[in-house]
């Protein structure tokens, strides 16, 4: 089953959000670039494995909400 153009755009953005959320910059400093990249790859696969496009989109929405709440707490 293929996605509509709108859903495909949402899915592409959701993948970007999910991948960016998986980055741990402290890990890069501690493990070094190669080991951290491998850890990141595994974390991304675990996050996305077995999920439908709709589930990935919903996960990205949750990440955005959590990020907004975190940023809001930093301001006050």
N, C-alpha and C. Protein backbone atom coordinates (compact mmCIF):
# COMPACT_ATOMS: atom_id res chain seq x y z
N UNK A 1 0.84 -1.17 0.00
CA UNK A 1 0.00 0.00 0.00
C UNK A 1 0.89 1.24 0.00
N UNK A 2 0.65 2.13 -0.91
CA UNK A 2 1.45 3.34 -0.96
C UNK A 2 0.73 4.48 -0.25
N UNK A 3 1.51 5.47 0.14
CA UNK A 3 0.97 6.63 0.86
C UNK A 3 0.56 7.71 -0.12
N UNK A 4 -0.44 8.48 0.28
CA UNK A 4 -0.80 9.64 -0.52
C UNK A 4 0.36 10.63 -0.47
N UNK A 5 0.36 11.58 -1.36
CA UNK A 5 1.44 12.57 -1.41
C UNK A 5 1.55 13.30 -0.07
N UNK A 6 0.42 13.69 0.51
CA UNK A 6 0.42 14.41 1.79
C UNK A 6 0.99 13.53 2.91
N UNK A 7 0.56 12.27 2.96
CA UNK A 7 1.06 11.34 3.99
C UNK A 7 2.54 11.07 3.79
N UNK A 8 2.99 10.99 2.54
CA UNK A 8 4.41 10.77 2.27
C UNK A 8 5.24 11.93 2.79
N UNK A 9 4.74 13.16 2.60
CA UNK A 9 5.45 14.32 3.12
C UNK A 9 5.49 14.29 4.65
N UNK A 10 4.36 13.95 5.27
CA UNK A 10 4.32 13.84 6.72
C UNK A 10 5.29 12.76 7.21
N UNK A 11 5.32 11.64 6.52
CA UNK A 11 6.19 10.54 6.88
C UNK A 11 7.66 10.94 6.76
N UNK A 12 8.02 11.61 5.67
CA UNK A 12 9.39 12.06 5.48
C UNK A 12 9.82 13.00 6.60
N UNK A 13 8.96 13.93 6.97
CA UNK A 13 9.28 14.84 8.07
C UNK A 13 9.37 14.08 9.39
N UNK A 14 8.50 13.10 9.57
CA UNK A 14 8.51 12.30 10.80
C UNK A 14 9.81 11.51 10.92
N UNK A 15 10.29 10.99 9.82
CA UNK A 15 11.58 10.27 9.83
C UNK A 15 12.69 11.23 10.25
N UNK A 16 12.71 12.42 9.68
CA UNK A 16 13.73 13.41 10.05
C UNK A 16 13.68 13.74 11.54
N UNK A 17 12.49 13.97 12.05
CA UNK A 17 12.32 14.32 13.46
C UNK A 17 12.78 13.16 14.34
N UNK A 18 12.38 11.96 13.99
CA UNK A 18 12.74 10.78 14.78
C UNK A 18 14.25 10.55 14.76
N UNK A 19 14.86 10.70 13.61
CA UNK A 19 16.31 10.52 13.51
C UNK A 19 17.04 11.58 14.31
N UNK A 20 16.65 12.83 14.17
CA UNK A 20 17.32 13.89 14.90
C UNK A 20 17.16 13.69 16.40
N UNK A 21 15.99 13.23 16.82
CA UNK A 21 15.74 13.00 18.24
C UNK A 21 16.63 11.88 18.79
N UNK A 22 17.08 10.99 17.94
CA UNK A 22 17.90 9.86 18.37
C UNK A 22 19.37 10.23 18.59
N UNK A 23 19.77 11.39 18.14
CA UNK A 23 21.17 11.79 18.27
C UNK A 23 21.47 12.14 19.72
N UNK A 24 22.56 11.58 20.21
CA UNK A 24 23.03 11.85 21.56
C UNK A 24 24.44 12.45 21.43
N UNK A 25 24.54 13.76 21.58
CA UNK A 25 25.82 14.43 21.36
C UNK A 25 26.86 14.05 22.42
N UNK A 26 26.42 13.78 23.64
CA UNK A 26 27.36 13.33 24.67
C UNK A 26 27.99 12.00 24.29
N UNK A 27 27.18 11.15 23.67
CA UNK A 27 27.67 9.86 23.21
C UNK A 27 28.79 10.03 22.19
N UNK A 28 28.66 11.00 21.30
CA UNK A 28 29.70 11.25 20.31
C UNK A 28 31.02 11.63 20.99
N UNK A 29 30.91 12.45 22.02
CA UNK A 29 32.14 12.86 22.73
C UNK A 29 32.75 11.68 23.50
N UNK A 30 31.92 10.83 24.06
CA UNK A 30 32.41 9.72 24.88
C UNK A 30 32.91 8.54 24.06
N UNK A 31 32.17 8.18 23.03
CA UNK A 31 32.47 6.97 22.27
C UNK A 31 33.34 7.21 21.05
N UNK A 32 33.33 8.41 20.55
CA UNK A 32 33.99 8.68 19.30
C UNK A 32 33.02 8.53 18.16
N UNK A 33 33.39 9.06 17.03
CA UNK A 33 32.46 9.17 15.91
C UNK A 33 31.95 7.83 15.39
N UNK A 34 32.83 6.87 15.19
CA UNK A 34 32.41 5.61 14.57
C UNK A 34 31.50 4.81 15.50
N UNK A 35 31.89 4.65 16.75
CA UNK A 35 31.07 3.89 17.70
C UNK A 35 29.74 4.59 17.95
N UNK A 36 29.76 5.90 18.04
CA UNK A 36 28.52 6.66 18.27
C UNK A 36 27.60 6.54 17.06
N UNK A 37 28.16 6.55 15.85
CA UNK A 37 27.34 6.40 14.64
C UNK A 37 26.67 5.03 14.61
N UNK A 38 27.40 4.00 15.03
CA UNK A 38 26.81 2.65 15.08
C UNK A 38 25.69 2.59 16.12
N UNK A 39 25.92 3.21 17.28
CA UNK A 39 24.89 3.24 18.33
C UNK A 39 23.66 4.00 17.84
N UNK A 40 23.88 5.11 17.14
CA UNK A 40 22.78 5.89 16.60
C UNK A 40 21.98 5.08 15.59
N UNK A 41 22.66 4.38 14.72
CA UNK A 41 21.99 3.56 13.71
C UNK A 41 21.10 2.51 14.39
N UNK A 42 21.63 1.84 15.41
CA UNK A 42 20.85 0.83 16.12
C UNK A 42 19.64 1.46 16.80
N UNK A 43 19.82 2.63 17.41
CA UNK A 43 18.73 3.30 18.10
C UNK A 43 17.63 3.70 17.11
N UNK A 44 18.01 4.17 15.95
CA UNK A 44 17.03 4.56 14.92
C UNK A 44 16.26 3.32 14.45
N UNK A 45 16.98 2.23 14.19
CA UNK A 45 16.29 1.01 13.76
C UNK A 45 15.32 0.51 14.82
N UNK A 46 15.75 0.54 16.10
CA UNK A 46 14.85 0.11 17.18
C UNK A 46 13.62 1.00 17.25
N UNK A 47 13.80 2.29 17.04
CA UNK A 47 12.69 3.23 17.12
C UNK A 47 11.68 3.00 16.00
N UNK A 48 12.16 2.67 14.81
CA UNK A 48 11.29 2.57 13.64
C UNK A 48 10.85 1.14 13.30
N UNK A 49 11.56 0.16 13.79
CA UNK A 49 11.33 -1.23 13.40
C UNK A 49 9.90 -1.68 13.65
N UNK A 50 9.26 -2.17 12.61
CA UNK A 50 7.94 -2.75 12.72
C UNK A 50 6.79 -1.76 12.78
N UNK A 51 7.10 -0.47 12.72
CA UNK A 51 6.05 0.53 12.81
C UNK A 51 5.50 0.88 11.43
N UNK A 52 4.22 1.20 11.41
CA UNK A 52 3.61 1.67 10.19
C UNK A 52 3.96 3.14 9.99
N UNK A 53 3.69 3.65 8.81
CA UNK A 53 3.93 5.07 8.54
C UNK A 53 3.14 5.93 9.53
N UNK A 54 1.91 5.55 9.80
CA UNK A 54 1.06 6.32 10.73
C UNK A 54 1.65 6.31 12.14
N UNK A 55 2.20 5.19 12.56
CA UNK A 55 2.82 5.11 13.88
C UNK A 55 4.07 5.98 13.96
N UNK A 56 4.84 6.02 12.89
CA UNK A 56 6.04 6.87 12.85
C UNK A 56 5.63 8.34 12.90
N UNK A 57 4.60 8.71 12.17
CA UNK A 57 4.09 10.08 12.18
C UNK A 57 3.62 10.46 13.58
N UNK A 58 2.90 9.56 14.24
CA UNK A 58 2.43 9.82 15.59
C UNK A 58 3.58 9.93 16.59
N UNK A 59 4.61 9.11 16.41
CA UNK A 59 5.79 9.19 17.27
C UNK A 59 6.48 10.55 17.11
N UNK A 60 6.57 11.02 15.87
CA UNK A 60 7.18 12.34 15.63
C UNK A 60 6.35 13.45 16.26
N UNK A 61 5.03 13.32 16.21
CA UNK A 61 4.17 14.32 16.86
C UNK A 61 4.43 14.33 18.36
N UNK A 62 4.57 13.15 18.96
CA UNK A 62 4.86 13.06 20.39
C UNK A 62 6.22 13.69 20.72
N UNK A 63 7.20 13.44 19.89
CA UNK A 63 8.53 14.02 20.09
C UNK A 63 8.42 15.55 20.05
N UNK A 64 7.68 16.07 19.07
CA UNK A 64 7.53 17.53 18.96
C UNK A 64 6.84 18.10 20.20
N UNK A 65 5.80 17.43 20.68
CA UNK A 65 5.09 17.90 21.88
C UNK A 65 6.02 17.86 23.09
N UNK A 66 6.75 16.76 23.24
CA UNK A 66 7.70 16.65 24.35
C UNK A 66 8.77 17.74 24.27
N UNK A 67 9.25 18.01 23.07
CA UNK A 67 10.29 19.03 22.87
C UNK A 67 9.74 20.42 23.22
N UNK A 68 8.51 20.70 22.80
CA UNK A 68 7.90 21.99 23.14
C UNK A 68 7.74 22.14 24.64
N UNK A 69 7.32 21.07 25.30
CA UNK A 69 7.16 21.12 26.75
C UNK A 69 8.50 21.34 27.43
N UNK A 70 9.55 20.68 26.93
CA UNK A 70 10.88 20.85 27.49
C UNK A 70 11.37 22.28 27.29
N UNK A 71 11.21 22.79 26.08
CA UNK A 71 11.62 24.17 25.79
C UNK A 71 10.84 25.16 26.63
N UNK A 72 9.57 24.91 26.83
CA UNK A 72 8.73 25.78 27.65
C UNK A 72 9.25 25.82 29.08
N UNK A 73 9.66 24.67 29.59
CA UNK A 73 10.21 24.62 30.96
C UNK A 73 11.52 25.38 31.07
N UNK A 74 12.29 25.43 30.00
CA UNK A 74 13.55 26.17 30.03
C UNK A 74 13.31 27.68 30.10
N UNK A 75 12.19 28.11 29.57
CA UNK A 75 11.92 29.54 29.54
C UNK A 75 11.42 30.08 30.88
N UNK A 76 10.88 29.21 31.72
CA UNK A 76 10.30 29.67 32.98
C UNK A 76 10.98 29.08 34.18
